[in-house]
Amino acid sequence: MKGFVQDIESLAVKNDKFRQVLYTGKKSQLVLISLKPQEDIGAEIHQVDQFFRVEEGSGEAVLNGARTPIQTGFAVLVPAGVNHNIINTGSVPLKLYTLYAPPNHRDGVVHETRADAEGDTEQFNGKTTE
């Protein structure tokens, strides 16, 4: 079967890795993220659109300096070129998934911690999941 069909909520809630690329298509990419209490993804600007969905926990979405509280069930859409950050302001891990359009990371990459992610400078190389 082509594509990705799984229980994304369950996968996101069970994930304990900072970043895990689940599926990469030609024009989009699905990634799990888990942020420890008081951890953030780090302020960044992409040349791709990005969508986040919070499955568990609470925090803040920061888009071009505007801070908005987020919690389970919230969605955040970040257009290309917007300076953004997601911050876990809670006392439990913040579990979410994100969609990049087009892909942003190498297919299959797993970053156990934020430090691992910061040390990895390689971006999407054109290789897809299938």
Protein backbone atom coordinates (compact mmCIF):
# COMPACT_ATOMS: atom_id res chain seq x y z
CA MET A 1 0.00 0.00 0.00
CA LYS A 2 1.21 3.48 -0.77
CA GLY A 3 0.80 6.18 1.81
CA PHE A 4 0.48 6.12 5.59
CA VAL A 5 -2.56 4.79 7.47
CA GLN A 6 -2.15 4.41 11.24
CA ASP A 7 -3.55 5.70 14.54
CA ILE A 8 -1.59 8.96 14.68
CA GLU A 9 -2.99 9.96 18.08
CA SER A 10 -1.74 6.74 19.68
CA LEU A 11 1.63 6.99 17.96
CA ALA A 12 2.06 10.61 19.09
CA VAL A 13 1.09 9.90 22.70
CA LYS A 14 3.44 6.89 22.94
CA ASN A 15 6.37 8.72 21.31
CA ASP A 16 9.20 9.69 23.66
CA LYS A 17 11.65 10.95 21.05
CA PHE A 18 12.27 14.63 20.39
CA ARG A 19 11.72 14.11 16.66
CA GLN A 20 10.84 11.04 14.60
CA VAL A 21 10.07 11.17 10.88
CA LEU A 22 7.29 8.64 10.18
CA TYR A 23 6.57 9.18 6.52
CA THR A 24 7.97 11.27 3.69
CA GLY A 25 6.09 11.85 0.45
CA LYS A 26 7.15 13.95 -2.50
CA LYS A 27 5.20 16.97 -1.25
CA SER A 28 4.65 16.41 2.49
CA GLN A 29 6.17 14.80 5.57
CA LEU A 30 4.72 13.43 8.84
CA VAL A 31 6.83 13.79 12.00
CA LEU A 32 6.25 12.98 15.70
CA ILE A 33 7.57 15.35 18.39
CA SER A 34 7.78 14.96 22.17
CA LEU A 35 8.88 17.90 24.32
CA LYS A 36 9.90 17.44 27.94
CA PRO A 37 8.52 19.90 30.50
CA GLN A 38 9.97 23.37 29.84
CA GLU A 39 11.59 22.17 26.58
CA ASP A 40 10.96 23.82 23.20
CA ILE A 41 11.63 22.99 19.56
CA GLY A 42 13.81 26.08 19.24
CA ALA A 43 12.93 29.25 17.37
CA GLU A 44 13.18 28.58 13.66
CA ILE A 45 12.12 29.76 10.24
CA HIS A 46 11.38 27.29 7.41
CA GLN A 47 10.79 27.86 3.74
CA VAL A 48 8.00 25.27 3.97
CA ASP A 49 4.54 25.36 5.52
CA GLN A 50 4.16 23.48 8.81
CA PHE A 51 1.10 22.18 10.68
CA PHE A 52 1.19 21.02 14.34
CA ARG A 53 -1.49 19.04 16.23
CA VAL A 54 -1.25 18.72 20.02
CA GLU A 55 -2.29 15.25 21.21
CA GLU A 56 -1.34 15.55 24.88
CA GLY A 57 -0.07 18.26 27.20
CA SER A 58 0.01 22.05 27.11
CA GLY A 59 2.32 24.80 26.05
CA GLU A 60 2.68 27.89 23.92
CA ALA A 61 2.91 28.49 20.20
CA VAL A 62 5.06 31.51 19.35
CA LEU A 63 4.57 32.91 15.82
CA ASN A 64 6.53 36.06 14.96
CA GLY A 65 6.66 36.90 18.69
CA ALA A 66 2.93 36.42 19.37
CA ARG A 67 2.45 33.85 22.16
CA THR A 68 -0.71 31.71 22.22
CA PRO A 69 -1.48 29.03 24.82
CA ILE A 70 -2.04 25.57 23.30
CA GLN A 71 -3.30 22.30 24.74
CA THR A 72 -4.61 18.88 23.74
CA GLY A 73 -6.67 19.16 20.56
CA PHE A 74 -5.12 22.42 19.34
CA ALA A 75 -3.78 22.90 15.83
CA VAL A 76 -1.12 25.40 14.79
CA LEU A 77 -0.45 26.34 11.17
CA VAL A 78 2.86 28.07 10.45
CA PRO A 79 3.21 29.54 6.96
CA ALA A 80 6.62 29.44 5.30
CA GLY A 81 8.87 32.29 6.43
CA VAL A 82 7.30 32.74 9.88
CA ASN A 83 9.63 32.71 12.90
CA HIS A 84 8.08 30.14 15.24
CA ASN A 85 8.61 28.04 18.34
CA ILE A 86 6.57 25.50 20.30
CA ILE A 87 7.26 25.52 24.06
CA ASN A 88 6.14 22.98 26.64
CA THR A 89 5.03 25.13 29.58
CA GLY A 90 3.46 22.20 31.43
CA SER A 91 4.72 19.63 33.92
CA VAL A 92 4.26 16.59 31.64
CA PRO A 93 5.60 15.86 28.14
CA LEU A 94 3.97 17.74 25.27
CA LYS A 95 3.08 15.19 22.57
CA LEU A 96 2.35 16.36 19.07
CA TYR A 97 2.81 15.63 15.44
CA THR A 98 3.67 17.93 12.58
CA LEU A 99 3.21 17.96 8.83
CA TYR A 100 5.71 19.74 6.61
CA ALA A 101 4.73 20.69 3.06
CA PRO A 102 7.05 20.08 1.28
CA PRO A 103 9.30 17.75 3.37
CA ASN A 104 11.93 19.34 5.62
CA HIS A 105 13.91 16.41 7.17
CA ARG A 106 15.59 13.28 5.84
CA ASP A 107 13.20 10.34 5.64
CA GLY A 108 13.33 8.04 8.66
CA VAL A 109 15.48 10.32 10.80
CA VAL A 110 15.12 9.90 14.58
CA HIS A 111 16.48 12.45 17.05
CA GLU A 112 16.27 11.04 20.57
CA THR A 113 16.89 14.48 22.13
CA ARG A 114 16.91 18.12 21.14
CA ALA A 115 20.73 18.05 21.38
CA ASP A 116 20.75 15.27 18.75
CA ALA A 117 18.56 17.39 16.49
CA GLU A 118 20.74 20.48 16.92
CA GLY A 119 23.82 18.50 15.92
CA ASP A 120 22.19 17.25 12.70
CA THR A 121 22.47 19.82 9.90
CA GLU A 122 21.24 17.62 7.04
CA GLN A 123 17.87 18.50 5.56
CA PHE A 124 15.51 16.67 3.20
CA ASN A 125 17.58 15.05 0.46
CA GLY A 126 14.81 14.13 -1.98
CA LYS A 127 14.42 10.52 -0.82
CA THR A 128 10.88 9.50 0.09
CA THR A 129 9.52 6.61 2.17
CA GLU A 130 8.34 4.67 -0.89
